[in-house]
PDB file of all heavy atoms in Angstrom:
ATOM      1  N   ILE A   1     -17.064   6.427  51.745  1.00  0.00           N
ATOM      2  CA  ILE A   1     -15.769   5.795  51.545  1.00  0.00           C
ATOM      3  C   ILE A   1     -15.949   4.602  50.608  1.00  0.00           C
ATOM      4  O   ILE A   1     -16.911   3.846  50.744  1.00  0.00           O
ATOM      5  CB  ILE A   1     -15.144   5.330  52.864  1.00  0.00           C
ATOM      6  CG1 ILE A   1     -15.046   6.495  53.863  1.00  0.00           C
ATOM      7  CG2 ILE A   1     -13.777   4.708  52.617  1.00  0.00           C
ATOM      8  CD1 ILE A   1     -14.059   7.567  53.466  1.00  0.00           C
ATOM      9  N   GLY A   2     -15.022   4.445  49.702  1.00  0.00           N
ATOM     10  CA  GLY A   2     -15.075   3.317  48.790  1.00  0.00           C
ATOM     11  C   GLY A   2     -13.781   2.538  48.768  1.00  0.00           C
ATOM     12  O   GLY A   2     -12.696   3.091  49.002  1.00  0.00           O
ATOM     13  N   TRP A   3     -13.908   1.250  48.508  1.00  0.00           N
ATOM     14  CA  TRP A   3     -12.770   0.389  48.234  1.00  0.00           C
ATOM     15  C   TRP A   3     -12.753   0.070  46.746  1.00  0.00           C
ATOM     16  O   TRP A   3     -13.785  -0.316  46.176  1.00  0.00           O
ATOM     17  CB  TRP A   3     -12.835  -0.910  49.036  1.00  0.00           C
ATOM     18  CG  TRP A   3     -12.417  -0.775  50.465  1.00  0.00           C
ATOM     19  CD1 TRP A   3     -13.224  -0.671  51.551  1.00  0.00           C
ATOM     20  CD2 TRP A   3     -11.076  -0.760  50.961  1.00  0.00           C
ATOM     21  NE1 TRP A   3     -12.475  -0.585  52.698  1.00  0.00           N
ATOM     22  CE2 TRP A   3     -11.152  -0.634  52.363  1.00  0.00           C
ATOM     23  CE3 TRP A   3      -9.821  -0.835  50.357  1.00  0.00           C
ATOM     24  CZ2 TRP A   3     -10.020  -0.578  53.181  1.00  0.00           C
ATOM     25  CZ3 TRP A   3      -8.688  -0.772  51.165  1.00  0.00           C
ATOM     26  CH2 TRP A   3      -8.802  -0.646  52.559  1.00  0.00           C
ATOM     27  N   PHE A   4     -11.595   0.205  46.142  1.00  0.00           N
ATOM     28  CA  PHE A   4     -11.405  -0.053  44.726  1.00  0.00           C
ATOM     29  C   PHE A   4     -10.196  -0.955  44.551  1.00  0.00           C
ATOM     30  O   PHE A   4      -9.366  -1.080  45.456  1.00  0.00           O
ATOM     31  CB  PHE A   4     -11.211   1.261  43.960  1.00  0.00           C
ATOM     32  CG  PHE A   4     -12.354   2.223  44.129  1.00  0.00           C
ATOM     33  CD1 PHE A   4     -12.428   3.046  45.244  1.00  0.00           C
ATOM     34  CD2 PHE A   4     -13.355   2.299  43.185  1.00  0.00           C
ATOM     35  CE1 PHE A   4     -13.482   3.928  45.415  1.00  0.00           C
ATOM     36  CE2 PHE A   4     -14.415   3.178  43.335  1.00  0.00           C
ATOM     37  CZ  PHE A   4     -14.479   3.990  44.454  1.00  0.00           C
ATOM     38  N   ARG A   5     -10.099  -1.576  43.391  1.00  0.00           N
ATOM     39  CA  ARG A   5      -8.946  -2.422  43.132  1.00  0.00           C
ATOM     40  C   ARG A   5      -8.535  -2.308  41.680  1.00  0.00           C
ATOM     41  O   ARG A   5      -9.339  -2.021  40.798  1.00  0.00           O
ATOM     42  CB  ARG A   5      -9.233  -3.880  43.500  1.00  0.00           C
ATOM     43  CG  ARG A   5     -10.288  -4.561  42.638  1.00  0.00           C
ATOM     44  CD  ARG A   5     -10.594  -5.954  43.188  1.00  0.00           C
ATOM     45  NE  ARG A   5     -11.564  -6.671  42.378  1.00  0.00           N
ATOM     46  CZ  ARG A   5     -12.086  -7.844  42.699  1.00  0.00           C
ATOM     47  NH1 ARG A   5     -11.726  -8.439  43.839  1.00  0.00           N
ATOM     48  NH2 ARG A   5     -12.963  -8.432  41.892  1.00  0.00           N
ATOM     49  N   GLN A   6      -7.256  -2.555  41.455  1.00  0.00           N
ATOM     50  CA  GLN A   6      -6.709  -2.499  40.112  1.00  0.00           C
ATOM     51  C   GLN A   6      -5.681  -3.605  39.928  1.00  0.00           C
ATOM     52  O   GLN A   6      -4.681  -3.655  40.644  1.00  0.00           O
ATOM     53  CB  GLN A   6      -6.070  -1.137  39.832  1.00  0.00           C
ATOM     54  CG  GLN A   6      -5.635  -0.950  38.394  1.00  0.00           C
ATOM     55  CD  GLN A   6      -5.307   0.488  38.067  1.00  0.00           C
ATOM     56  OE1 GLN A   6      -5.043   1.295  38.957  1.00  0.00           O
ATOM     57  NE2 GLN A   6      -5.331   0.828  36.792  1.00  0.00           N
ATOM     58  N   ALA A   7      -5.958  -4.477  38.979  1.00  0.00           N
ATOM     59  CA  ALA A   7      -5.035  -5.537  38.618  1.00  0.00           C
ATOM     60  C   ALA A   7      -4.176  -5.065  37.449  1.00  0.00           C
ATOM     61  O   ALA A   7      -4.565  -4.162  36.705  1.00  0.00           O
ATOM     62  CB  ALA A   7      -5.801  -6.801  38.237  1.00  0.00           C
ATOM     63  N   PRO A   8      -2.999  -5.657  37.252  1.00  0.00           N
ATOM     64  CA  PRO A   8      -2.138  -5.254  36.136  1.00  0.00           C
ATOM     65  C   PRO A   8      -2.865  -5.333  34.803  1.00  0.00           C
ATOM     66  O   PRO A   8      -3.504  -6.337  34.488  1.00  0.00           O
ATOM     67  CB  PRO A   8      -0.987  -6.259  36.200  1.00  0.00           C
ATOM     68  CG  PRO A   8      -0.931  -6.673  37.632  1.00  0.00           C
ATOM     69  CD  PRO A   8      -2.369  -6.698  38.084  1.00  0.00           C
ATOM     70  N   GLY A   9      -2.778  -4.255  34.035  1.00  0.00           N
ATOM     71  CA  GLY A   9      -3.413  -4.208  32.736  1.00  0.00           C
ATOM     72  C   GLY A   9      -4.904  -3.989  32.757  1.00  0.00           C
ATOM     73  O   GLY A   9      -5.538  -3.994  31.693  1.00  0.00           O
ATOM     74  N   LYS A  10      -5.475  -3.783  33.932  1.00  0.00           N
ATOM     75  CA  LYS A  10      -6.909  -3.596  34.070  1.00  0.00           C
ATOM     76  C   LYS A  10      -7.217  -2.196  34.583  1.00  0.00           C
ATOM     77  O   LYS A  10      -6.380  -1.551  35.205  1.00  0.00           O
ATOM     78  CB  LYS A  10      -7.505  -4.627  35.034  1.00  0.00           C
ATOM     79  CG  LYS A  10      -7.277  -6.076  34.652  1.00  0.00           C
ATOM     80  CD  LYS A  10      -8.120  -6.483  33.470  1.00  0.00           C
ATOM     81  CE  LYS A  10      -8.000  -7.976  33.208  1.00  0.00           C
ATOM     82  NZ  LYS A  10      -8.854  -8.409  32.077  1.00  0.00           N
ATOM     83  N   GLU A  11      -8.422  -1.741  34.295  1.00  0.00           N
ATOM     84  CA  GLU A  11      -8.869  -0.473  34.850  1.00  0.00           C
ATOM     85  C   GLU A  11      -9.234  -0.639  36.315  1.00  0.00           C
ATOM     86  O   GLU A  11      -9.628  -1.721  36.756  1.00  0.00           O
ATOM     87  CB  GLU A  11     -10.076   0.059  34.075  1.00  0.00           C
ATOM     88  CG  GLU A  11      -9.776   0.501  32.660  1.00  0.00           C
ATOM     89  CD  GLU A  11     -10.948   1.190  32.005  1.00  0.00           C
ATOM     90  OE1 GLU A  11     -12.047   1.212  32.600  1.00  0.00           O
ATOM     91  OE2 GLU A  11     -10.773   1.727  30.904  1.00  0.00           O
ATOM     92  N   ARG A  12      -9.101   0.439  37.047  1.00  0.00           N
ATOM     93  CA  ARG A  12      -9.500   0.423  38.442  1.00  0.00           C
ATOM     94  C   ARG A  12     -11.016   0.281  38.533  1.00  0.00           C
ATOM     95  O   ARG A  12     -11.762   0.962  37.826  1.00  0.00           O
ATOM     96  CB  ARG A  12      -9.037   1.699  39.129  1.00  0.00           C
ATOM     97  CG  ARG A  12      -9.123   1.656  40.639  1.00  0.00           C
ATOM     98  CD  ARG A  12      -8.418   2.862  41.256  1.00  0.00           C
ATOM     99  NE  ARG A  12      -6.998   2.882  40.906  1.00  0.00           N
ATOM    100  CZ  ARG A  12      -6.140   3.785  41.377  1.00  0.00           C
ATOM    101  NH1 ARG A  12      -6.542   4.730  42.212  1.00  0.00           N
ATOM    102  NH2 ARG A  12      -4.869   3.737  41.004  1.00  0.00           N
ATOM    103  N   GLU A  13     -11.476  -0.608  39.408  1.00  0.00           N
ATOM    104  CA  GLU A  13     -12.889  -0.883  39.512  1.00  0.00           C
ATOM    105  C   GLU A  13     -13.368  -0.748  40.949  1.00  0.00           C
ATOM    106  O   GLU A  13     -12.626  -0.968  41.901  1.00  0.00           O
ATOM    107  CB  GLU A  13     -13.212  -2.289  38.998  1.00  0.00           C
ATOM    108  CG  GLU A  13     -12.572  -3.409  39.806  1.00  0.00           C
ATOM    109  CD  GLU A  13     -12.960  -4.793  39.326  1.00  0.00           C
ATOM    110  OE1 GLU A  13     -13.851  -4.901  38.454  1.00  0.00           O
ATOM    111  OE2 GLU A  13     -12.370  -5.779  39.815  1.00  0.00           O
ATOM    112  N   GLY A  14     -14.637  -0.405  41.076  1.00  0.00           N
ATOM    113  CA  GLY A  14     -15.236  -0.308  42.390  1.00  0.00           C
ATOM    114  C   GLY A  14     -15.496  -1.680  42.972  1.00  0.00           C
ATOM    115  O   GLY A  14     -15.982  -2.579  42.283  1.00  0.00           O
ATOM    116  N   VAL A  15     -15.195  -1.841  44.243  1.00  0.00           N
ATOM    117  CA  VAL A  15     -15.413  -3.093  44.957  1.00  0.00           C
ATOM    118  C   VAL A  15     -16.573  -2.957  45.930  1.00  0.00           C
ATOM    119  O   VAL A  15     -17.516  -3.757  45.913  1.00  0.00           O
ATOM    120  CB  VAL A  15     -14.143  -3.529  45.698  1.00  0.00           C
ATOM    121  CG1 VAL A  15     -14.409  -4.783  46.533  1.00  0.00           C
ATOM    122  CG2 VAL A  15     -13.007  -3.762  44.721  1.00  0.00           C
ATOM    123  N   SER A  16     -16.505  -1.946  46.779  1.00  0.00           N
ATOM    124  CA  SER A  16     -17.516  -1.761  47.809  1.00  0.00           C
ATOM    125  C   SER A  16     -17.481  -0.330  48.302  1.00  0.00           C
ATOM    126  O   SER A  16     -16.409   0.261  48.428  1.00  0.00           O
ATOM    127  CB  SER A  16     -17.264  -2.732  48.972  1.00  0.00           C
ATOM    128  OG  SER A  16     -18.233  -2.594  49.990  1.00  0.00           O
ATOM    129  N   CYS A  17     -18.653   0.226  48.596  1.00  0.00           N
ATOM    130  CA  CYS A  17     -18.752   1.585  49.113  1.00  0.00           C
ATOM    131  C   CYS A  17     -19.680   1.606  50.317  1.00  0.00           C
ATOM    132  O   CYS A  17     -20.574   0.763  50.448  1.00  0.00           O
ATOM    133  CB  CYS A  17     -19.261   2.552  48.050  1.00  0.00           C
ATOM    134  SG  CYS A  17     -18.085   2.890  46.713  1.00  0.00           S
ATOM    135  N   ILE A  18     -19.482   2.597  51.169  1.00  0.00           N
ATOM    136  CA  ILE A  18     -20.265   2.720  52.386  1.00  0.00           C
ATOM    137  C   ILE A  18     -20.599   4.184  52.628  1.00  0.00           C
ATOM    138  O   ILE A  18     -19.762   5.066  52.429  1.00  0.00           O
ATOM    139  CB  ILE A  18     -19.512   2.091  53.577  1.00  0.00           C
ATOM    140  CG1 ILE A  18     -20.407   2.018  54.814  1.00  0.00           C
ATOM    141  CG2 ILE A  18     -18.214   2.840  53.866  1.00  0.00           C
ATOM    142  CD1 ILE A  18     -19.821   1.132  55.908  1.00  0.00           C
ATOM    143  N   SER A  19     -21.824   4.448  53.059  1.00  0.00           N
ATOM    144  CA  SER A  19     -22.273   5.811  53.302  1.00  0.00           C
ATOM    145  C   SER A  19     -21.631   6.375  54.561  1.00  0.00           C
ATOM    146  O   SER A  19     -20.949   5.676  55.309  1.00  0.00           O
ATOM    147  CB  SER A  19     -23.794   5.870  53.397  1.00  0.00           C
ATOM    148  OG  SER A  19     -24.263   5.091  54.486  1.00  0.00           O
ATOM    149  N   ASN A  20     -21.886   7.657  54.802  1.00  0.00           N
ATOM    150  CA  ASN A  20     -21.201   8.352  55.894  1.00  0.00           C
ATOM    151  C   ASN A  20     -21.415   7.710  57.254  1.00  0.00           C
ATOM    152  O   ASN A  20     -20.495   7.678  58.084  1.00  0.00           O
ATOM    153  CB  ASN A  20     -21.636   9.820  55.933  1.00  0.00           C
ATOM    154  CG  ASN A  20     -23.077   9.989  56.386  1.00  0.00           C
ATOM    155  OD1 ASN A  20     -23.969   9.266  55.958  1.00  0.00           O
ATOM    156  ND2 ASN A  20     -23.304  10.955  57.264  1.00  0.00           N
ATOM    157  N   ASN A  21     -22.627   7.208  57.485  1.00  0.00           N
ATOM    158  CA  ASN A  21     -22.940   6.620  58.782  1.00  0.00           C
ATOM    159  C   ASN A  21     -22.968   5.095  58.756  1.00  0.00           C
ATOM    160  O   ASN A  21     -23.346   4.469  59.752  1.00  0.00           O
ATOM    161  CB  ASN A  21     -24.271   7.150  59.307  1.00  0.00           C
ATOM    162  CG  ASN A  21     -25.439   6.804  58.402  1.00  0.00           C
ATOM    163  OD1 ASN A  21     -25.285   6.141  57.386  1.00  0.00           O
ATOM    164  ND2 ASN A  21     -26.622   7.271  58.783  1.00  0.00           N
ATOM    165  N   GLY A  22     -22.580   4.510  57.640  1.00  0.00           N
ATOM    166  CA  GLY A  22     -22.557   3.068  57.520  1.00  0.00           C
ATOM    167  C   GLY A  22     -23.883   2.435  57.189  1.00  0.00           C
ATOM    168  O   GLY A  22     -23.967   1.207  57.085  1.00  0.00           O
ATOM    169  N   GLY A  23     -24.931   3.241  57.011  1.00  0.00           N
ATOM    170  CA  GLY A  23     -26.251   2.704  56.783  1.00  0.00           C
ATOM    171  C   GLY A  23     -26.472   2.110  55.410  1.00  0.00           C
ATOM    172  O   GLY A  23     -27.354   1.264  55.239  1.00  0.00           O
ATOM    173  N   ILE A  24     -25.718   2.554  54.426  1.00  0.00           N
ATOM    174  CA  ILE A  24     -25.840   2.052  53.065  1.00  0.00           C
ATOM    175  C   ILE A  24     -24.518   1.431  52.668  1.00  0.00           C
ATOM    176  O   ILE A  24     -23.467   2.059  52.784  1.00  0.00           O
ATOM    177  CB  ILE A  24     -26.217   3.164  52.073  1.00  0.00           C
ATOM    178  CG1 ILE A  24     -27.513   3.855  52.508  1.00  0.00           C
ATOM    179  CG2 ILE A  24     -26.368   2.594  50.668  1.00  0.00           C
ATOM    180  CD1 ILE A  24     -27.845   5.077  51.687  1.00  0.00           C
ATOM    181  N   ARG A  25     -24.589   0.202  52.195  1.00  0.00           N
ATOM    182  CA  ARG A  25     -23.400  -0.517  51.760  1.00  0.00           C
ATOM    183  C   ARG A  25     -23.659  -1.128  50.390  1.00  0.00           C
ATOM    184  O   ARG A  25     -24.699  -1.737  50.164  1.00  0.00           O
ATOM    185  CB  ARG A  25     -23.031  -1.609  52.760  1.00  0.00           C
ATOM    186  CG  ARG A  25     -22.848  -1.086  54.180  1.00  0.00           C
ATOM    187  CD  ARG A  25     -22.637  -2.210  55.164  1.00  0.00           C
ATOM    188  NE  ARG A  25     -22.589  -1.711  56.534  1.00  0.00           N
ATOM    189  CZ  ARG A  25     -22.369  -2.460  57.600  1.00  0.00           C
ATOM    190  NH1 ARG A  25     -22.162  -3.772  57.457  1.00  0.00           N
ATOM    191  NH2 ARG A  25     -22.354  -1.914  58.800  1.00  0.00           N
ATOM    192  N   THR A  26     -22.718  -0.946  49.500  1.00  0.00           N
ATOM    193  CA  THR A  26     -22.848  -1.484  48.159  1.00  0.00           C
ATOM    194  C   THR A  26     -21.680  -2.411  47.865  1.00  0.00           C
ATOM    195  O   THR A  26     -20.586  -2.257  48.411  1.00  0.00           O
ATOM    196  CB  THR A  26     -22.902  -0.374  47.095  1.00  0.00           C
ATOM    197  OG1 THR A  26     -21.600   0.200  46.918  1.00  0.00           O
ATOM    198  CG2 THR A  26     -23.874   0.726  47.515  1.00  0.00           C
ATOM    199  N   TYR A  27     -21.937  -3.382  46.966  1.00  0.00           N
ATOM    200  CA  TYR A  27     -20.918  -4.350  46.606  1.00  0.00           C
ATOM    201  C   TYR A  27     -20.986  -4.654  45.118  1.00  0.00           C
ATOM    202  O   TYR A  27     -22.072  -4.745  44.538  1.00  0.00           O
ATOM    203  CB  TYR A  27     -21.094  -5.660  47.378  1.00  0.00           C
ATOM    204  CG  TYR A  27     -20.996  -5.517  48.870  1.00  0.00           C
ATOM    205  CD1 TYR A  27     -22.132  -5.336  49.650  1.00  0.00           C
ATOM    206  CD2 TYR A  27     -19.763  -5.568  49.506  1.00  0.00           C
ATOM    207  CE1 TYR A  27     -22.039  -5.198  51.025  1.00  0.00           C
ATOM    208  CE2 TYR A  27     -19.661  -5.431  50.879  1.00  0.00           C
ATOM    209  CZ  TYR A  27     -20.805  -5.247  51.635  1.00  0.00           C
ATOM    210  OH  TYR A  27     -20.709  -5.114  53.000  1.00  0.00           O
ATOM    211  N   ALA A  28     -19.830  -4.806  44.521  1.00  0.00           N
ATOM    212  CA  ALA A  28     -19.786  -5.304  43.164  1.00  0.00           C
ATOM    213  C   ALA A  28     -20.278  -6.744  43.136  1.00  0.00           C
ATOM    214  O   ALA A  28     -20.096  -7.497  44.094  1.00  0.00           O
ATOM    215  CB  ALA A  28     -18.362  -5.225  42.611  1.00  0.00           C
ATOM    216  N   ASP A  29     -20.899  -7.132  42.032  1.00  0.00           N
ATOM    217  CA  ASP A  29     -21.433  -8.485  41.927  1.00  0.00           C
ATOM    218  C   ASP A  29     -20.352  -9.543  42.148  1.00  0.00           C
ATOM    219  O   ASP A  29     -20.622 -10.616  42.693  1.00  0.00           O
ATOM    220  CB  ASP A  29     -22.083  -8.693  40.562  1.00  0.00           C
ATOM    221  CG  ASP A  29     -23.393  -7.933  40.415  1.00  0.00           C
ATOM    222  OD1 ASP A  29     -23.988  -7.546  41.437  1.00  0.00           O
ATOM    223  OD2 ASP A  29     -23.829  -7.735  39.261  1.00  0.00           O
ATOM    224  N   SER A  30     -19.141  -9.242  41.744  1.00  0.00           N
ATOM    225  CA  SER A  30     -18.065 -10.211  41.826  1.00  0.00           C
ATOM    226  C   SER A  30     -17.639 -10.528  43.255  1.00  0.00           C
ATOM    227  O   SER A  30     -17.002 -11.559  43.495  1.00  0.00           O
ATOM    228  CB  SER A  30     -16.850  -9.726  41.029  1.00  0.00           C
ATOM    229  OG  SER A  30     -16.381  -8.487  41.522  1.00  0.00           O
ATOM    230  N   VAL A  31     -17.979  -9.652  44.210  1.00  0.00           N
ATOM    231  CA  VAL A  31     -17.560  -9.865  45.595  1.00  0.00           C
ATOM    232  C   VAL A  31     -18.731 -10.032  46.540  1.00  0.00           C
ATOM    233  O   VAL A  31     -18.521 -10.333  47.731  1.00  0.00           O
ATOM    234  CB  VAL A  31     -16.654  -8.724  46.095  1.00  0.00           C
ATOM    235  CG1 VAL A  31     -15.486  -8.513  45.148  1.00  0.00           C
ATOM    236  CG2 VAL A  31     -17.451  -7.433  46.279  1.00  0.00           C
ATOM    237  N   LYS A  32     -19.933  -9.857  46.066  1.00  0.00           N
ATOM    238  CA  LYS A  32     -21.113  -9.938  46.917  1.00  0.00           C
ATOM    239  C   LYS A  32     -21.199 -11.308  47.582  1.00  0.00           C
ATOM    240  O   LYS A  32     -21.050 -12.341  46.929  1.00  0.00           O
ATOM    241  CB  LYS A  32     -22.366  -9.650  46.092  1.00  0.00           C
ATOM    242  CG  LYS A  32     -23.625  -9.408  46.912  1.00  0.00           C
ATOM    243  CD  LYS A  32     -24.768  -8.933  46.010  1.00  0.00           C
ATOM    244  CE  LYS A  32     -24.434  -7.620  45.330  1.00  0.00           C
ATOM    245  NZ  LYS A  32     -25.554  -7.115  44.490  1.00  0.00           N
ATOM    246  N   GLY A  33     -21.426 -11.294  48.881  1.00  0.00           N
ATOM    247  CA  GLY A  33     -21.492 -12.526  49.643  1.00  0.00           C
ATOM    248  C   GLY A  33     -20.164 -12.980  50.193  1.00  0.00           C
ATOM    249  O   GLY A  33     -20.133 -13.871  51.055  1.00  0.00           O
ATOM    250  N   ARG A  34     -19.077 -12.399  49.721  1.00  0.00           N
ATOM    251  CA  ARG A  34     -17.744 -12.763  50.183  1.00  0.00           C
ATOM    252  C   ARG A  34     -17.057 -11.638  50.948  1.00  0.00           C
ATOM    253  O   ARG A  34     -16.290 -11.898  51.880  1.00  0.00           O
ATOM    254  CB  ARG A  34     -16.856 -13.174  49.009  1.00  0.00           C
ATOM    255  CG  ARG A  34     -17.380 -14.369  48.226  1.00  0.00           C
ATOM    256  CD  ARG A  34     -16.362 -14.849  47.192  1.00  0.00           C
ATOM    257  NE  ARG A  34     -16.096 -13.829  46.171  1.00  0.00           N
ATOM    258  CZ  ARG A  34     -14.894 -13.294  45.951  1.00  0.00           C
ATOM    259  NH1 ARG A  34     -13.844 -13.672  46.670  1.00  0.00           N
ATOM    260  NH2 ARG A  34     -14.728 -12.384  44.996  1.00  0.00           N
ATOM    261  N   PHE A  35     -17.314 -10.395  50.551  1.00  0.00           N
ATOM    262  CA  PHE A  35     -16.679  -9.234  51.175  1.00  0.00           C
ATOM    263  C   PHE A  35     -17.697  -8.486  52.016  1.00  0.00           C
ATOM    264  O   PHE A  35     -18.890  -8.436  51.685  1.00  0.00           O
ATOM    265  CB  PHE A  35     -16.121  -8.278  50.120  1.00  0.00           C
ATOM    266  CG  PHE A  35     -14.943  -8.794  49.342  1.00  0.00           C
ATOM    267  CD1 PHE A  35     -14.517 -10.106  49.447  1.00  0.00           C
ATOM    268  CD2 PHE A  35     -14.249  -7.943  48.494  1.00  0.00           C
ATOM    269  CE1 PHE A  35     -13.437 -10.582  48.726  1.00  0.00           C
ATOM    270  CE2 PHE A  35     -13.162  -8.399  47.772  1.00  0.00           C
ATOM    271  CZ  PHE A  35     -12.755  -9.720  47.883  1.00  0.00           C
ATOM    272  N   THR A  36     -17.224  -7.863  53.089  1.00  0.00           N
ATOM    273  CA  THR A  36     -18.066  -7.049  53.951  1.00  0.00           C
ATOM    274  C   THR A  36     -17.344  -5.752  54.279  1.00  0.00           C
ATOM    275  O   THR A  36     -16.204  -5.775  54.750  1.00  0.00           O
ATOM    276  CB  THR A  36     -18.413  -7.775  55.258  1.00  0.00           C
ATOM    277  OG1 THR A  36     -19.063  -9.017  54.964  1.00  0.00           O
ATOM    278  CG2 THR A  36     -19.348  -6.917  56.108  1.00  0.00           C
ATOM    279  N   ILE A  37     -18.015  -4.626  54.035  1.00  0.00           N
ATOM    280  CA  ILE A  37     -17.449  -3.326  54.351  1.00  0.00           C
ATOM    281  C   ILE A  37     -18.076  -2.803  55.638  1.00  0.00           C
ATOM    282  O   ILE A  37     -19.254  -3.031  55.901  1.00  0.00           O
ATOM    283  CB  ILE A  37     -17.654  -2.326  53.188  1.00  0.00           C
ATOM    284  CG1 ILE A  37     -16.829  -1.054  53.408  1.00  0.00           C
ATOM    285  CG2 ILE A  37     -19.131  -1.998  52.996  1.00  0.00           C
ATOM    286  CD1 ILE A  37     -16.809  -0.130  52.191  1.00  0.00           C
ATOM    287  N   SER A  38     -17.283  -2.123  56.446  1.00  0.00           N
ATOM    288  CA  SER A  38     -17.776  -1.519  57.672  1.00  0.00           C
ATOM    289  C   SER A  38     -16.937  -0.285  57.974  1.00  0.00           C
ATOM    290  O   SER A  38     -15.870  -0.098  57.400  1.00  0.00           O
ATOM    291  CB  SER A  38     -17.728  -2.512  58.837  1.00  0.00           C
ATOM    292  OG  SER A  38     -16.400  -2.931  59.098  1.00  0.00           O
ATOM    293  N   ARG A  39     -17.428   0.555  58.871  1.00  0.00           N
ATOM    294  CA  ARG A  39     -16.663   1.741  59.241  1.00  0.00           C
ATOM    295  C   ARG A  39     -16.852   2.069  60.700  1.00  0.00           C
ATOM    296  O   ARG A  39     -17.913   1.815  61.293  1.00  0.00           O
ATOM    297  CB  ARG A  39     -17.018   2.940  58.353  1.00  0.00           C
ATOM    298  CG  ARG A  39     -18.422   3.495  58.525  1.00  0.00           C
ATOM    299  CD  ARG A  39     -18.727   4.556  57.452  1.00  0.00           C
ATOM    300  NE  ARG A  39     -17.869   5.726  57.552  1.00  0.00           N
ATOM    301  CZ  ARG A  39     -17.783   6.685  56.625  1.00  0.00           C
ATOM    302  NH1 ARG A  39     -18.509   6.593  55.505  1.00  0.00           N
ATOM    303  NH2 ARG A  39     -16.981   7.723  56.807  1.00  0.00           N
ATOM    304  N   ASP A  40     -15.819   2.638  61.269  1.00  0.00           N
ATOM    305  CA  ASP A  40     -15.807   3.081  62.653  1.00  0.00           C
ATOM    306  C   ASP A  40     -15.436   4.556  62.619  1.00  0.00           C
ATOM    307  O   ASP A  40     -14.259   4.908  62.614  1.00  0.00           O
ATOM    308  CB  ASP A  40     -14.810   2.273  63.471  1.00  0.00           C
ATOM    309  CG  ASP A  40     -14.769   2.691  64.925  1.00  0.00           C
ATOM    310  OD1 ASP A  40     -15.493   3.625  65.314  1.00  0.00           O
ATOM    311  OD2 ASP A  40     -14.000   2.079  65.692  1.00  0.00           O
ATOM    312  N   ASN A  41     -16.453   5.417  62.575  1.00  0.00           N
ATOM    313  CA  ASN A  41     -16.193   6.842  62.430  1.00  0.00           C
ATOM    314  C   ASN A  41     -15.469   7.431  63.641  1.00  0.00           C
ATOM    315  O   ASN A  41     -14.749   8.420  63.506  1.00  0.00           O
ATOM    316  CB  ASN A  41     -17.496   7.596  62.182  1.00  0.00           C
ATOM    317  CG  ASN A  41     -17.996   7.453  60.765  1.00  0.00           C
ATOM    318  OD1 ASN A  41     -17.389   6.749  59.954  1.00  0.00           O
ATOM    319  ND2 ASN A  41     -19.107   8.109  60.451  1.00  0.00           N
ATOM    320  N   ALA A  42     -15.666   6.843  64.811  1.00  0.00           N
ATOM    321  CA  ALA A  42     -14.983   7.332  65.997  1.00  0.00           C
ATOM    322  C   ALA A  42     -13.473   7.239  65.837  1.00  0.00           C
ATOM    323  O   ALA A  42     -12.733   8.041  66.409  1.00  0.00           O
ATOM    324  CB  ALA A  42     -15.438   6.566  67.229  1.00  0.00           C
TER     325      ALA A  42
END
């Protein structure tokens, strides 16, 4: 699952992604340290 964002006049960009079981989490440099992704598969 990924979170993306798009501002007016801008291309859609990746913000954060998470693997199927939550074990791998990625963040764009612009949000690293400020945003946290998590998932509750149940």
